[in-house]
Amino acid sequence: MLDRLRGLLTDRFTVFALVGLAFFGIDMLNSRQTDRIHINQADLAMLEGRYELQAGRSPSADELEALIAFHAREEILVREARRLGLDQGDVILRRRLAQKMELLLQDGLPEPVITDVALDRYYEATRDRYVRPARIGFRHIYLGSGDPPAPVEVDRLRNALRESPTSEAWRGMGEAFMLAREYAPRPQPALAELFGPGFAAALFDARSQSGWWGPIQSAYGWHLVRALTYEPEAPLSRAELGATLIEDFTASERAVAEAEAYDRLARRYEVTVDRARP
């Protein structure tokens, strides 16, 4: 009996058959196993939270069961896609995973410690960034849209303005205008947004002129203009910055901490590039 068994074990065909049966048995066992999808309390809270954000209320019992079923379906499809290797080489998926990892890095960062000393140091290092742009205040008389006003009409208005330079008579001159007739100092981009870039540029270029001048054209038509006050570009003090300085300091500190956290991750990897081209 033993001799016969030894003979079978030394026979190559028998050995191959036994090995094949072993692999078949393992495959059968694996096919009967199921991956477990466990939906815990955190998952339920996440599902309910998302629903509340979208619907403005908590889900009912039936709605929650539907959410659970959808979540399970999604997890099954994701696992099967990974099993088939569908996640390999997908640029969109790679970017989404990288973005999610960045969010995890950011969530794990400690909150920056904000002190007067730290804010002073940050302000001194970055004060060139904090500059109040030049601003100009002015008043204007609207002359209407369309073609440029006739020189005779412009001269008539200028003569009337010279006769009453300190009165408020200018407010009743010209045509009705939908916006204000007088503006406190504003920077050039703000005036460009209101009246158009050409008007704003002309106003700043001629800021040193005294009295009424023009006409200059805006997005609405033609105007006589008088510059009132001009404030040149000036650095902003720390007191003027207020909460802006704290927000910028916090963002800067978090950016540094995030870069350091990434560097710690990157040290686990060695990146090699085969730059040889056929």
Protein backbone atom coordinates (compact mmCIF):
# COMPACT_ATOMS: atom_id res chain seq x y z
CA MET A 1 0.00 0.00 0.00
CA LEU A 2 2.78 2.40 0.96
CA ASP A 3 4.74 1.46 -2.11
CA ARG A 4 1.71 2.13 -4.25
CA LEU A 5 1.19 5.55 -2.61
CA ARG A 6 4.85 6.40 -3.13
CA GLY A 7 4.45 5.45 -6.76
CA LEU A 8 1.49 7.77 -7.18
CA LEU A 9 3.31 10.70 -5.53
CA THR A 10 6.31 10.25 -7.78
CA ASP A 11 4.14 10.18 -10.88
CA ARG A 12 4.18 13.65 -12.48
CA PHE A 13 0.66 13.46 -13.84
CA THR A 14 -0.72 12.63 -10.41
CA VAL A 15 1.18 15.54 -8.80
CA PHE A 16 -0.12 18.00 -11.40
CA ALA A 17 -3.65 16.73 -10.88
CA LEU A 18 -3.42 17.15 -7.10
CA VAL A 19 -2.06 20.67 -7.45
CA GLY A 20 -4.84 21.56 -9.87
CA LEU A 21 -7.46 20.22 -7.49
CA ALA A 22 -5.95 22.28 -4.67
CA PHE A 23 -6.14 25.49 -6.69
CA PHE A 24 -9.70 24.64 -7.75
CA GLY A 25 -10.68 24.16 -4.13
CA ILE A 26 -9.13 27.47 -3.08
CA ASP A 27 -10.91 29.27 -5.91
CA MET A 28 -14.23 27.72 -4.89
CA LEU A 29 -13.71 28.86 -1.31
CA ASN A 30 -12.87 32.37 -2.43
CA SER A 31 -15.93 32.54 -4.67
CA ARG A 32 -18.13 31.68 -1.70
CA GLN A 33 -16.61 34.40 0.47
CA THR A 34 -18.24 37.82 0.41
CA ASP A 35 -16.77 41.23 1.06
CA ARG A 36 -18.36 42.83 4.05
CA ILE A 37 -19.80 46.32 3.71
CA HIS A 38 -20.27 47.74 7.18
CA ILE A 39 -22.25 50.96 7.47
CA ASN A 40 -21.49 52.40 10.88
CA GLN A 41 -22.93 55.31 12.84
CA ALA A 42 -20.52 57.76 11.23
CA ASP A 43 -21.71 56.64 7.79
CA LEU A 44 -25.34 57.08 8.81
CA ALA A 45 -24.62 60.54 10.19
CA MET A 46 -22.89 61.46 6.93
CA LEU A 47 -25.84 60.24 4.84
CA GLU A 48 -28.35 62.07 7.02
CA GLY A 49 -26.23 65.24 7.00
CA ARG A 50 -26.00 65.31 3.22
CA TYR A 51 -29.75 64.81 2.92
CA GLU A 52 -30.45 67.64 5.37
CA LEU A 53 -28.21 70.01 3.41
CA GLN A 54 -30.08 69.25 0.20
CA ALA A 55 -33.64 68.87 1.47
CA GLY A 56 -33.58 71.15 4.50
CA ARG A 57 -34.95 68.42 6.78
CA SER A 58 -34.05 65.03 8.20
CA PRO A 59 -34.83 61.96 6.08
CA SER A 60 -37.79 59.77 6.97
CA ALA A 61 -37.25 56.10 7.86
CA ASP A 62 -38.01 55.03 4.28
CA GLU A 63 -35.79 57.74 2.85
CA LEU A 64 -32.95 56.70 5.14
CA GLU A 65 -33.29 53.08 3.98
CA ALA A 66 -33.12 54.29 0.39
CA LEU A 67 -30.00 56.31 1.20
CA ILE A 68 -28.40 53.25 2.80
CA ALA A 69 -29.26 51.10 -0.22
CA PHE A 70 -27.80 53.68 -2.60
CA HIS A 71 -24.64 53.97 -0.48
CA ALA A 72 -24.23 50.19 -0.45
CA ARG A 73 -24.79 50.00 -4.20
CA GLU A 74 -22.17 52.70 -4.74
CA GLU A 75 -19.68 50.87 -2.49
CA ILE A 76 -20.25 47.58 -4.33
CA LEU A 77 -19.68 49.22 -7.69
CA VAL A 78 -16.54 50.98 -6.43
CA ARG A 79 -15.07 47.75 -5.08
CA GLU A 80 -15.86 45.86 -8.26
CA ALA A 81 -14.32 48.64 -10.35
CA ARG A 82 -11.17 48.45 -8.26
CA ARG A 83 -11.14 44.65 -8.55
CA LEU A 84 -11.21 45.01 -12.33
CA GLY A 85 -8.48 47.66 -12.21
CA LEU A 86 -10.71 50.40 -13.57
CA ASP A 87 -9.16 52.88 -11.15
CA GLN A 88 -5.79 52.52 -12.85
CA GLY A 89 -4.81 55.28 -15.27
CA ASP A 90 -7.95 57.38 -14.69
CA VAL A 91 -6.78 61.00 -14.65
CA ILE A 92 -10.01 62.39 -13.17
CA LEU A 93 -10.03 59.80 -10.41
CA ARG A 94 -6.35 60.47 -9.64
CA ARG A 95 -7.02 64.16 -9.27
CA ARG A 96 -10.05 63.62 -7.05
CA LEU A 97 -8.05 61.31 -4.80
CA ALA A 98 -5.21 63.83 -4.66
CA GLN A 99 -7.66 66.60 -3.75
CA LYS A 100 -9.21 64.45 -1.05
CA MET A 101 -5.77 63.69 0.38
CA GLU A 102 -4.98 67.39 0.41
CA LEU A 103 -8.17 68.02 2.38
CA LEU A 104 -7.16 65.33 4.85
CA LEU A 105 -3.75 66.97 5.24
CA GLN A 106 -5.38 70.35 5.84
CA ASP A 107 -7.87 68.96 8.37
CA GLY A 108 -5.04 67.47 10.38
CA LEU A 109 -3.08 70.70 10.68
CA PRO A 110 -2.95 72.51 14.02
CA GLU A 111 -4.51 75.95 14.23
CA PRO A 112 -1.91 78.74 14.01
CA VAL A 113 -1.13 80.51 17.27
CA ILE A 114 -2.04 84.18 16.80
CA THR A 115 -0.11 86.61 19.00
CA ASP A 116 0.68 90.31 18.72
CA VAL A 117 4.36 89.48 18.29
CA ALA A 118 3.62 87.07 15.45
CA LEU A 119 1.30 89.56 13.75
CA ASP A 120 3.88 92.36 14.07
CA ARG A 121 6.55 90.15 12.52
CA TYR A 122 4.24 89.10 9.68
CA TYR A 123 3.17 92.70 9.01
CA GLU A 124 6.76 93.94 8.83
CA ALA A 125 7.68 91.13 6.44
CA THR A 126 4.70 91.71 4.11
CA ARG A 127 3.84 95.40 4.51
CA ASP A 128 4.62 96.10 0.84
CA ARG A 129 1.51 94.07 -0.03
CA TYR A 130 -0.75 96.34 2.01
CA VAL A 131 -1.12 99.58 0.09
CA ARG A 132 -4.19 101.73 -0.24
CA PRO A 133 -4.51 102.68 -3.93
CA ALA A 134 -4.74 106.29 -5.04
CA ARG A 135 -8.25 107.70 -4.83
CA ILE A 136 -10.05 110.71 -6.22
CA GLY A 137 -13.29 112.44 -5.33
CA PHE A 138 -15.20 114.53 -7.86
CA ARG A 139 -18.47 116.08 -8.93
CA HIS A 140 -19.85 116.18 -12.44
CA ILE A 141 -22.53 117.69 -14.66
CA TYR A 142 -24.13 115.28 -17.09
CA LEU A 143 -24.38 116.64 -20.63
CA GLY A 144 -26.28 113.75 -22.20
CA SER A 145 -25.47 110.80 -24.42
CA GLY A 146 -24.90 110.59 -28.14
CA ASP A 147 -22.70 113.09 -29.97
CA PRO A 148 -20.33 115.40 -28.04
CA PRO A 149 -22.13 118.49 -26.77
CA ALA A 150 -21.87 121.65 -28.86
CA PRO A 151 -18.99 123.93 -27.82
CA VAL A 152 -21.45 126.81 -27.45
CA GLU A 153 -23.43 124.86 -24.85
CA VAL A 154 -20.28 123.89 -22.98
CA ASP A 155 -19.06 127.51 -22.90
CA ARG A 156 -22.46 128.65 -21.61
CA LEU A 157 -22.24 126.18 -18.71
CA ARG A 158 -18.66 127.16 -17.90
CA ASN A 159 -19.63 130.86 -17.77
CA ALA A 160 -22.51 130.06 -15.44
CA LEU A 161 -20.21 128.03 -13.19
CA ARG A 162 -17.62 130.84 -13.05
CA GLU A 163 -20.30 133.29 -11.96
CA SER A 164 -21.27 131.11 -8.97
CA PRO A 165 -18.18 129.06 -8.08
CA THR A 166 -19.16 128.44 -4.43
CA SER A 167 -22.91 127.90 -4.78
CA GLU A 168 -24.84 124.67 -5.30
CA ALA A 169 -26.22 125.90 -8.61
CA TRP A 170 -24.18 123.28 -10.49
CA ARG A 171 -26.48 120.56 -9.16
CA GLY A 172 -29.32 121.84 -11.32
CA MET A 173 -27.28 122.19 -14.48
CA GLY A 174 -27.12 119.76 -17.37
CA GLU A 175 -29.44 116.82 -17.79
CA ALA A 176 -30.88 114.43 -15.23
CA PHE A 177 -28.55 111.59 -14.28
CA MET A 178 -29.49 108.20 -12.84
CA LEU A 179 -26.51 108.00 -10.47
CA ALA A 180 -24.97 110.44 -8.00
CA ARG A 181 -23.57 113.81 -9.06
CA GLU A 182 -20.83 113.85 -6.43
CA TYR A 183 -18.50 111.05 -5.32
CA ALA A 184 -16.26 110.61 -2.30
CA PRO A 185 -12.69 109.48 -3.06
CA ARG A 186 -12.61 106.15 -4.89
CA PRO A 187 -9.80 104.16 -6.54
CA GLN A 188 -9.53 104.03 -10.31
CA PRO A 189 -10.82 100.43 -10.70
CA ALA A 190 -13.99 101.32 -8.77
CA LEU A 191 -14.61 104.36 -10.95
CA ALA A 192 -13.90 102.32 -14.07
CA GLU A 193 -16.56 99.86 -13.00
CA LEU A 194 -19.07 102.68 -12.53
CA PHE A 195 -18.28 104.97 -15.48
CA GLY A 196 -15.98 102.98 -17.75
CA PRO A 197 -12.18 102.75 -17.95
CA GLY A 198 -11.77 105.74 -20.29
CA PHE A 199 -13.59 108.10 -17.94
CA ALA A 200 -11.66 106.86 -14.89
CA ALA A 201 -8.29 107.17 -16.65
CA ALA A 202 -9.07 110.71 -17.88
CA LEU A 203 -10.17 111.75 -14.41
CA PHE A 204 -6.94 110.52 -12.79
CA ASP A 205 -4.77 111.94 -15.58
CA ALA A 206 -6.27 115.42 -15.15
CA ARG A 207 -6.55 115.32 -11.35
CA SER A 208 -4.36 118.38 -10.90
CA GLN A 209 -6.59 120.61 -13.03
CA SER A 210 -8.53 123.22 -11.12
CA GLY A 211 -12.14 124.18 -11.74
CA TRP A 212 -14.50 122.48 -14.18
CA TRP A 213 -13.09 120.80 -17.26
CA GLY A 214 -14.18 118.52 -20.03
CA PRO A 215 -16.30 117.32 -21.56
CA ILE A 216 -15.10 113.74 -21.09
CA GLN A 217 -16.97 110.66 -22.16
CA SER A 218 -18.19 107.85 -19.88
CA ALA A 219 -20.26 104.75 -20.48
CA TYR A 220 -23.34 106.97 -20.06
CA GLY A 221 -22.37 109.92 -22.23
CA TRP A 222 -20.60 113.25 -21.69
CA HIS A 223 -19.69 115.12 -18.51
CA LEU A 224 -18.12 118.27 -17.20
CA VAL A 225 -16.00 117.27 -14.24
CA ARG A 226 -14.42 118.94 -11.23
CA ALA A 227 -11.88 117.08 -9.11
CA LEU A 228 -12.38 117.65 -5.39
CA THR A 229 -9.81 115.62 -3.48
CA TYR A 230 -6.95 113.41 -4.53
CA GLU A 231 -5.37 110.91 -2.13
CA PRO A 232 -2.13 109.37 -3.40
CA GLU A 233 -1.21 105.75 -2.87
CA ALA A 234 -0.24 105.13 0.76
CA PRO A 235 0.73 102.17 2.94
CA LEU A 236 -1.95 100.76 5.21
CA SER A 237 -1.14 100.63 8.91
CA ARG A 238 -1.61 97.48 10.92
CA ALA A 239 -4.56 99.10 12.71
CA GLU A 240 -6.28 99.82 9.36
CA LEU A 241 -5.85 96.22 8.26
CA GLY A 242 -7.62 94.80 11.31
CA ALA A 243 -9.07 91.34 10.64
CA THR A 244 -7.52 91.21 7.16
CA LEU A 245 -4.04 90.89 8.66
CA ILE A 246 -5.17 88.07 10.95
CA GLU A 247 -6.79 86.21 8.03
CA ASP A 248 -3.69 86.58 5.85
CA PHE A 249 -1.38 85.54 8.69
CA THR A 250 -3.51 82.46 9.40
CA ALA A 251 -3.57 81.49 5.72
CA SER A 252 0.19 81.94 5.48
CA GLU A 253 0.88 79.81 8.55
CA ARG A 254 -1.44 77.07 7.34
CA ALA A 255 0.23 77.08 3.91
CA VAL A 256 3.63 76.59 5.56
CA ALA A 257 2.28 73.80 7.78
CA GLU A 258 0.63 72.11 4.79
CA ALA A 259 3.89 72.25 2.81
CA GLU A 260 5.77 70.69 5.73
CA ALA A 261 3.14 67.95 6.09
CA TYR A 262 3.46 67.14 2.40
CA ASP A 263 7.25 67.06 2.65
CA ARG A 264 6.97 64.50 5.43
CA LEU A 265 4.78 62.35 3.18
CA ALA A 266 7.04 62.82 0.18
CA ARG A 267 10.08 61.60 2.12
CA ARG A 268 8.51 58.12 2.14
CA TYR A 269 8.77 57.92 -1.64
CA GLU A 270 11.51 57.92 -4.20
CA VAL A 271 10.55 59.41 -7.54
CA THR A 272 12.44 58.21 -10.59
CA VAL A 273 11.87 59.37 -14.14
CA ASP A 274 12.90 57.46 -17.22
CA ARG A 275 13.58 60.33 -19.58
CA ALA A 276 14.99 58.18 -22.34
CA ARG A 277 13.02 58.54 -25.58
CA PRO A 278 12.92 56.01 -28.40
